[in-house]
Structures are given as structure tokens and as C-alpha cells.
Amino acid sequence: MLKIVPDPPITSNHSLEDILIQISEYLVCALTVAQQTVLLHPEPPGQVLTLATMHEIDNARALVEVALGKVQLKH
């Protein structure tokens, strides 16, 4: 598959807190896409996988929030 938009450059000058915030934002976008997919494809077979994906994205986002809270407590 040909990518239309190139990946952003990855630089190491970001703090751990900045990286976690960016990951959280990507997960919010992924969750939104999955939610729209459920609305556009109401058939049960496709929905089951999308709903499972939403569940996993939400769990990952919760873990990022916990990690972000721990990073903020140290500062």
C-alpha cells in the first residue's frame, strides 16, 4: 500500500511526558476511527472485531494515562 502522507520524523529531544501525551492523542484518533467504522458497518461480523479493537485501544489509552500521571508526579 502506498502511503500518501509520510511518517513524521522521530526525534529524541522530546520528554517522556510529551511522548505519552502524543501517544494518547494517537489513541484517541484511532478510537474515533473505530467508532466511525462501527457506525458505517452495522453488520455483526465486522462489528465484533471493531468493538474488540475499540476495547483494546481504550485499555491502552488508560495505561498511557496512568503512566502520564506517574511521570507528572515525579516533576
PDB file of N, CA and C in Angstrom:
ATOM      1  N   MET A   1       0.836  -1.172   0.000  1.00  0.00           N
ATOM      2  CA  MET A   1       0.000   0.000   0.000  1.00  0.00           C
ATOM      3  C   MET A   1       0.886   1.241   0.000  1.00  0.00           C
ATOM      4  N   LEU A   2       0.612   2.173  -0.875  1.00  0.00           N
ATOM      5  CA  LEU A   2       1.380   3.401  -0.992  1.00  0.00           C
ATOM      6  C   LEU A   2       0.882   4.405   0.035  1.00  0.00           C
ATOM      7  N   LYS A   3       1.809   4.958   0.804  1.00  0.00           N
ATOM      8  CA  LYS A   3       1.435   5.943   1.813  1.00  0.00           C
ATOM      9  C   LYS A   3       1.340   7.318   1.168  1.00  0.00           C
ATOM     10  N   ILE A   4       0.274   8.019   1.430  1.00  0.00           N
ATOM     11  CA  ILE A   4       0.077   9.357   0.890  1.00  0.00           C
ATOM     12  C   ILE A   4       0.817  10.384   1.745  1.00  0.00           C
ATOM     13  N   VAL A   5       0.757  10.205   3.054  1.00  0.00           N
ATOM     14  CA  VAL A   5       1.400  11.131   3.981  1.00  0.00           C
ATOM     15  C   VAL A   5       2.580  10.418   4.627  1.00  0.00           C
ATOM     16  N   PRO A   6       3.762  10.994   4.573  1.00  0.00           N
ATOM     17  CA  PRO A   6       4.913  10.339   5.199  1.00  0.00           C
ATOM     18  C   PRO A   6       4.812  10.380   6.721  1.00  0.00           C
ATOM     19  N   ASP A   7       5.490   9.434   7.364  1.00  0.00           N
ATOM     20  CA  ASP A   7       5.541   9.429   8.819  1.00  0.00           C
ATOM     21  C   ASP A   7       6.284  10.665   9.302  1.00  0.00           C
ATOM     22  N   PRO A   8       5.839  11.237  10.434  1.00  0.00           N
ATOM     23  CA  PRO A   8       6.568  12.389  10.961  1.00  0.00           C
ATOM     24  C   PRO A   8       7.947  11.945  11.447  1.00  0.00           C
ATOM     25  N   PRO A   9       8.912  12.838  11.391  1.00  0.00           N
ATOM     26  CA  PRO A   9      10.240  12.453  11.865  1.00  0.00           C
ATOM     27  C   PRO A   9      10.221  12.183  13.367  1.00  0.00           C
ATOM     28  N   ILE A  10      10.950  11.171  13.769  1.00  0.00           N
ATOM     29  CA  ILE A  10      11.030  10.820  15.187  1.00  0.00           C
ATOM     30  C   ILE A  10      12.326  11.406  15.727  1.00  0.00           C
ATOM     31  N   THR A  11      12.167  12.294  16.678  1.00  0.00           N
ATOM     32  CA  THR A  11      13.338  12.909  17.287  1.00  0.00           C
ATOM     33  C   THR A  11      13.400  12.517  18.748  1.00  0.00           C
ATOM     34  N   SER A  12      14.582  12.481  19.290  1.00  0.00           N
ATOM     35  CA  SER A  12      14.755  12.022  20.672  1.00  0.00           C
ATOM     36  C   SER A  12      14.813  13.176  21.669  1.00  0.00           C
ATOM     37  N   ASN A  13      14.535  14.397  21.236  1.00  0.00           N
ATOM     38  CA  ASN A  13      14.620  15.520  22.165  1.00  0.00           C
ATOM     39  C   ASN A  13      13.316  15.782  22.908  1.00  0.00           C
ATOM     40  N   HIS A  14      12.317  14.905  22.745  1.00  0.00           N
ATOM     41  CA  HIS A  14      11.059  15.052  23.459  1.00  0.00           C
ATOM     42  C   HIS A  14      11.156  14.393  24.828  1.00  0.00           C
ATOM     43  N   SER A  15      10.461  14.959  25.797  1.00  0.00           N
ATOM     44  CA  SER A  15      10.426  14.355  27.121  1.00  0.00           C
ATOM     45  C   SER A  15       9.485  13.155  27.109  1.00  0.00           C
ATOM     46  N   LEU A  16       9.612  12.305  28.098  1.00  0.00           N
ATOM     47  CA  LEU A  16       8.726  11.147  28.218  1.00  0.00           C
ATOM     48  C   LEU A  16       7.275  11.606  28.332  1.00  0.00           C
ATOM     49  N   GLU A  17       7.057  12.687  29.044  1.00  0.00           N
ATOM     50  CA  GLU A  17       5.706  13.231  29.198  1.00  0.00           C
ATOM     51  C   GLU A  17       5.127  13.645  27.839  1.00  0.00           C
ATOM     52  N   ASP A  18       5.929  14.318  27.018  1.00  0.00           N
ATOM     53  CA  ASP A  18       5.472  14.727  25.683  1.00  0.00           C
ATOM     54  C   ASP A  18       5.143  13.514  24.814  1.00  0.00           C
ATOM     55  N   ILE A  19       5.967  12.487  24.895  1.00  0.00           N
ATOM     56  CA  ILE A  19       5.746  11.275  24.106  1.00  0.00           C
ATOM     57  C   ILE A  19       4.454  10.589  24.533  1.00  0.00           C
ATOM     58  N   LEU A  20       4.215  10.495  25.835  1.00  0.00           N
ATOM     59  CA  LEU A  20       2.988   9.867  26.330  1.00  0.00           C
ATOM     60  C   LEU A  20       1.747  10.656  25.921  1.00  0.00           C
ATOM     61  N   ILE A  21       1.844  11.974  25.932  1.00  0.00           N
ATOM     62  CA  ILE A  21       0.716  12.800  25.505  1.00  0.00           C
ATOM     63  C   ILE A  21       0.433  12.570  24.022  1.00  0.00           C
ATOM     64  N   GLN A  22       1.483  12.501  23.216  1.00  0.00           N
ATOM     65  CA  GLN A  22       1.294  12.268  21.788  1.00  0.00           C
ATOM     66  C   GLN A  22       0.697  10.879  21.531  1.00  0.00           C
ATOM     67  N   ILE A  23       1.156   9.870  22.263  1.00  0.00           N
ATOM     68  CA  ILE A  23       0.587   8.524  22.133  1.00  0.00           C
ATOM     69  C   ILE A  23      -0.897   8.552  22.497  1.00  0.00           C
ATOM     70  N   SER A  24      -1.235   9.256  23.561  1.00  0.00           N
ATOM     71  CA  SER A  24      -2.632   9.352  23.979  1.00  0.00           C
ATOM     72  C   SER A  24      -3.483   9.996  22.885  1.00  0.00           C
ATOM     73  N   GLU A  25      -2.955  11.023  22.230  1.00  0.00           N
ATOM     74  CA  GLU A  25      -3.684  11.680  21.146  1.00  0.00           C
ATOM     75  C   GLU A  25      -3.874  10.740  19.953  1.00  0.00           C
ATOM     76  N   TYR A  26      -2.842   9.956  19.623  1.00  0.00           N
ATOM     77  CA  TYR A  26      -2.976   8.975  18.541  1.00  0.00           C
ATOM     78  C   TYR A  26      -4.037   7.931  18.885  1.00  0.00           C
ATOM     79  N   LEU A  27      -4.082   7.504  20.137  1.00  0.00           N
ATOM     80  CA  LEU A  27      -5.071   6.508  20.545  1.00  0.00           C
ATOM     81  C   LEU A  27      -6.490   7.073  20.490  1.00  0.00           C
ATOM     82  N   VAL A  28      -6.653   8.342  20.829  1.00  0.00           N
ATOM     83  CA  VAL A  28      -7.971   8.976  20.717  1.00  0.00           C
ATOM     84  C   VAL A  28      -8.408   8.982  19.250  1.00  0.00           C
ATOM     85  N   CYS A  29      -7.486   9.314  18.347  1.00  0.00           N
ATOM     86  CA  CYS A  29      -7.806   9.305  16.910  1.00  0.00           C
ATOM     87  C   CYS A  29      -8.170   7.897  16.438  1.00  0.00           C
ATOM     88  N   ALA A  30      -7.408   6.896  16.873  1.00  0.00           N
ATOM     89  CA  ALA A  30      -7.685   5.516  16.483  1.00  0.00           C
ATOM     90  C   ALA A  30      -9.048   5.066  17.006  1.00  0.00           C
ATOM     91  N   LEU A  31      -9.375   5.447  18.224  1.00  0.00           N
ATOM     92  CA  LEU A  31     -10.669   5.094  18.799  1.00  0.00           C
ATOM     93  C   LEU A  31     -11.807   5.755  18.020  1.00  0.00           C
ATOM     94  N   THR A  32     -11.614   6.992  17.605  1.00  0.00           N
ATOM     95  CA  THR A  32     -12.625   7.697  16.823  1.00  0.00           C
ATOM     96  C   THR A  32     -12.855   7.012  15.478  1.00  0.00           C
ATOM     97  N   VAL A  33     -11.775   6.596  14.827  1.00  0.00           N
ATOM     98  CA  VAL A  33     -11.895   5.884  13.552  1.00  0.00           C
ATOM     99  C   VAL A  33     -12.659   4.577  13.748  1.00  0.00           C
ATOM    100  N   ALA A  34     -12.327   3.849  14.818  1.00  0.00           N
ATOM    101  CA  ALA A  34     -13.015   2.585  15.084  1.00  0.00           C
ATOM    102  C   ALA A  34     -14.498   2.818  15.357  1.00  0.00           C
ATOM    103  N   GLN A  35     -14.826   3.877  16.098  1.00  0.00           N
ATOM    104  CA  GLN A  35     -16.232   4.180  16.372  1.00  0.00           C
ATOM    105  C   GLN A  35     -16.986   4.497  15.086  1.00  0.00           C
ATOM    106  N   GLN A  36     -16.364   5.240  14.189  1.00  0.00           N
ATOM    107  CA  GLN A  36     -17.000   5.559  12.918  1.00  0.00           C
ATOM    108  C   GLN A  36     -17.195   4.299  12.069  1.00  0.00           C
ATOM    109  N   THR A  37     -16.245   3.373  12.156  1.00  0.00           N
ATOM    110  CA  THR A  37     -16.353   2.113  11.419  1.00  0.00           C
ATOM    111  C   THR A  37     -17.563   1.314  11.896  1.00  0.00           C
ATOM    112  N   VAL A  38     -17.798   1.300  13.193  1.00  0.00           N
ATOM    113  CA  VAL A  38     -18.968   0.595  13.731  1.00  0.00           C
ATOM    114  C   VAL A  38     -20.255   1.229  13.191  1.00  0.00           C
ATOM    115  N   LEU A  39     -20.276   2.547  13.123  1.00  0.00           N
ATOM    116  CA  LEU A  39     -21.479   3.221  12.625  1.00  0.00           C
ATOM    117  C   LEU A  39     -21.695   2.977  11.133  1.00  0.00           C
ATOM    118  N   LEU A  40     -20.613   2.894  10.374  1.00  0.00           N
ATOM    119  CA  LEU A  40     -20.728   2.711   8.934  1.00  0.00           C
ATOM    120  C   LEU A  40     -20.989   1.261   8.523  1.00  0.00           C
ATOM    121  N   HIS A  41     -20.597   0.314   9.364  1.00  0.00           N
ATOM    122  CA  HIS A  41     -20.753  -1.112   9.053  1.00  0.00           C
ATOM    123  C   HIS A  41     -21.511  -1.797  10.195  1.00  0.00           C
ATOM    124  N   PRO A  42     -22.835  -1.692  10.170  1.00  0.00           N
ATOM    125  CA  PRO A  42     -23.620  -2.220  11.285  1.00  0.00           C
ATOM    126  C   PRO A  42     -23.785  -3.737  11.304  1.00  0.00           C
ATOM    127  N   GLU A  43     -23.186  -4.466  10.345  1.00  0.00           N
ATOM    128  CA  GLU A  43     -23.324  -5.919  10.331  1.00  0.00           C
ATOM    129  C   GLU A  43     -22.512  -6.523  11.489  1.00  0.00           C
ATOM    130  N   PRO A  44     -23.072  -7.512  12.173  1.00  0.00           N
ATOM    131  CA  PRO A  44     -22.405  -8.110  13.329  1.00  0.00           C
ATOM    132  C   PRO A  44     -20.990  -8.669  13.091  1.00  0.00           C
ATOM    133  N   PRO A  45     -20.694  -9.378  12.005  1.00  0.00           N
ATOM    134  CA  PRO A  45     -19.333  -9.934  11.902  1.00  0.00           C
ATOM    135  C   PRO A  45     -18.227  -8.868  11.940  1.00  0.00           C
ATOM    136  N   GLY A  46     -18.427  -7.792  11.210  1.00  0.00           N
ATOM    137  CA  GLY A  46     -17.427  -6.728  11.201  1.00  0.00           C
ATOM    138  C   GLY A  46     -17.408  -5.942  12.491  1.00  0.00           C
ATOM    139  N   GLN A  47     -18.557  -5.793  13.092  1.00  0.00           N
ATOM    140  CA  GLN A  47     -18.642  -5.025  14.337  1.00  0.00           C
ATOM    141  C   GLN A  47     -17.910  -5.696  15.478  1.00  0.00           C
ATOM    142  N   VAL A  48     -17.940  -7.004  15.530  1.00  0.00           N
ATOM    143  CA  VAL A  48     -17.304  -7.714  16.648  1.00  0.00           C
ATOM    144  C   VAL A  48     -15.815  -7.392  16.701  1.00  0.00           C
ATOM    145  N   LEU A  49     -15.158  -7.459  15.560  1.00  0.00           N
ATOM    146  CA  LEU A  49     -13.724  -7.156  15.539  1.00  0.00           C
ATOM    147  C   LEU A  49     -13.449  -5.691  15.831  1.00  0.00           C
ATOM    148  N   THR A  50     -14.282  -4.827  15.312  1.00  0.00           N
ATOM    149  CA  THR A  50     -14.088  -3.395  15.563  1.00  0.00           C
ATOM    150  C   THR A  50     -14.328  -3.056  17.026  1.00  0.00           C
ATOM    151  N   LEU A  51     -15.358  -3.646  17.615  1.00  0.00           N
ATOM    152  CA  LEU A  51     -15.619  -3.409  19.039  1.00  0.00           C
ATOM    153  C   LEU A  51     -14.488  -3.949  19.909  1.00  0.00           C
ATOM    154  N   ALA A  52     -13.917  -5.089  19.531  1.00  0.00           N
ATOM    155  CA  ALA A  52     -12.769  -5.627  20.257  1.00  0.00           C
ATOM    156  C   ALA A  52     -11.573  -4.687  20.118  1.00  0.00           C
ATOM    157  N   THR A  53     -11.389  -4.141  18.928  1.00  0.00           N
ATOM    158  CA  THR A  53     -10.312  -3.178  18.706  1.00  0.00           C
ATOM    159  C   THR A  53     -10.513  -1.936  19.561  1.00  0.00           C
ATOM    160  N   MET A  54     -11.737  -1.451  19.631  1.00  0.00           N
ATOM    161  CA  MET A  54     -12.038  -0.278  20.467  1.00  0.00           C
ATOM    162  C   MET A  54     -11.723  -0.552  21.927  1.00  0.00           C
ATOM    163  N   HIS A  55     -12.053  -1.749  22.375  1.00  0.00           N
ATOM    164  CA  HIS A  55     -11.772  -2.144  23.758  1.00  0.00           C
ATOM    165  C   HIS A  55     -10.269  -2.110  24.031  1.00  0.00           C
ATOM    166  N   GLU A  56      -9.484  -2.658  23.120  1.00  0.00           N
ATOM    167  CA  GLU A  56      -8.028  -2.687  23.299  1.00  0.00           C
ATOM    168  C   GLU A  56      -7.429  -1.284  23.244  1.00  0.00           C
ATOM    169  N   ILE A  57      -7.921  -0.450  22.340  1.00  0.00           N
ATOM    170  CA  ILE A  57      -7.431   0.928  22.250  1.00  0.00           C
ATOM    171  C   ILE A  57      -7.745   1.674  23.537  1.00  0.00           C
ATOM    172  N   ASP A  58      -8.941   1.487  24.057  1.00  0.00           N
ATOM    173  CA  ASP A  58      -9.334   2.160  25.298  1.00  0.00           C
ATOM    174  C   ASP A  58      -8.470   1.704  26.466  1.00  0.00           C
ATOM    175  N   ASN A  59      -8.158   0.417  26.535  1.00  0.00           N
ATOM    176  CA  ASN A  59      -7.276  -0.082  27.594  1.00  0.00           C
ATOM    177  C   ASN A  59      -5.869   0.491  27.457  1.00  0.00           C
ATOM    178  N   ALA A  60      -5.372   0.571  26.236  1.00  0.00           N
ATOM    179  CA  ALA A  60      -4.043   1.146  26.011  1.00  0.00           C
ATOM    180  C   ALA A  60      -4.022   2.619  26.415  1.00  0.00           C
ATOM    181  N   ARG A  61      -5.075   3.325  26.092  1.00  0.00           N
ATOM    182  CA  ARG A  61      -5.159   4.740  26.459  1.00  0.00           C
ATOM    183  C   ARG A  61      -5.186   4.910  27.979  1.00  0.00           C
ATOM    184  N   ALA A  62      -5.886   4.032  28.668  1.00  0.00           N
ATOM    185  CA  ALA A  62      -5.931   4.092  30.130  1.00  0.00           C
ATOM    186  C   ALA A  62      -4.537   3.863  30.727  1.00  0.00           C
ATOM    187  N   LEU A  63      -3.793   2.920  30.159  1.00  0.00           N
ATOM    188  CA  LEU A  63      -2.431   2.676  30.639  1.00  0.00           C
ATOM    189  C   LEU A  63      -1.518   3.881  30.393  1.00  0.00           C
ATOM    190  N   VAL A  64      -1.687   4.523  29.246  1.00  0.00           N
ATOM    191  CA  VAL A  64      -0.901   5.729  28.962  1.00  0.00           C
ATOM    192  C   VAL A  64      -1.240   6.816  29.973  1.00  0.00           C
ATOM    193  N   GLU A  65      -2.510   6.952  30.315  1.00  0.00           N
ATOM    194  CA  GLU A  65      -2.913   7.961  31.297  1.00  0.00           C
ATOM    195  C   GLU A  65      -2.297   7.675  32.675  1.00  0.00           C
ATOM    196  N   VAL A  66      -2.245   6.400  33.062  1.00  0.00           N
ATOM    197  CA  VAL A  66      -1.611   6.028  34.331  1.00  0.00           C
ATOM    198  C   VAL A  66      -0.119   6.376  34.293  1.00  0.00           C
ATOM    199  N   ALA A  67       0.545   6.016  33.195  1.00  0.00           N
ATOM    200  CA  ALA A  67       1.967   6.320  33.050  1.00  0.00           C
ATOM    201  C   ALA A  67       2.207   7.824  33.057  1.00  0.00           C
ATOM    202  N   LEU A  68       1.351   8.566  32.386  1.00  0.00           N
ATOM    203  CA  LEU A  68       1.478  10.013  32.359  1.00  0.00           C
ATOM    204  C   LEU A  68       1.318  10.613  33.756  1.00  0.00           C
ATOM    205  N   GLY A  69       0.384  10.078  34.515  1.00  0.00           N
ATOM    206  CA  GLY A  69       0.206  10.527  35.895  1.00  0.00           C
ATOM    207  C   GLY A  69       1.440  10.270  36.743  1.00  0.00           C
ATOM    208  N   LYS A  70       2.094   9.145  36.543  1.00  0.00           N
ATOM    209  CA  LYS A  70       3.303   8.830  37.297  1.00  0.00           C
ATOM    210  C   LYS A  70       4.455   9.749  36.897  1.00  0.00           C
ATOM    211  N   VAL A  71       4.537  10.074  35.612  1.00  0.00           N
ATOM    212  CA  VAL A  71       5.598  10.981  35.144  1.00  0.00           C
ATOM    213  C   VAL A  71       5.370  12.372  35.725  1.00  0.00           C
ATOM    214  N   GLN A  72       4.125  12.811  35.744  1.00  0.00           N
ATOM    215  CA  GLN A  72       3.815  14.152  36.260  1.00  0.00           C
ATOM    216  C   GLN A  72       4.056  14.243  37.753  1.00  0.00           C
ATOM    217  N   LEU A  73       3.856  13.149  38.494  1.00  0.00           N
ATOM    218  CA  LEU A  73       4.110  13.157  39.934  1.00  0.00           C
ATOM    219  C   LEU A  73       5.592  13.340  40.248  1.00  0.00           C
ATOM    220  N   LYS A  74       6.456  12.872  39.360  1.00  0.00           N
ATOM    221  CA  LYS A  74       7.894  12.980  39.599  1.00  0.00           C
ATOM    222  C   LYS A  74       8.412  14.382  39.361  1.00  0.00           C
ATOM    223  N   HIS A  75       7.633  15.212  38.654  1.00  0.00           N
ATOM    224  CA  HIS A  75       8.108  16.576  38.339  1.00  0.00           C
ATOM    225  C   HIS A  75       7.585  17.573  39.326  1.00  0.00           C
TER     226      HIS A  75
END
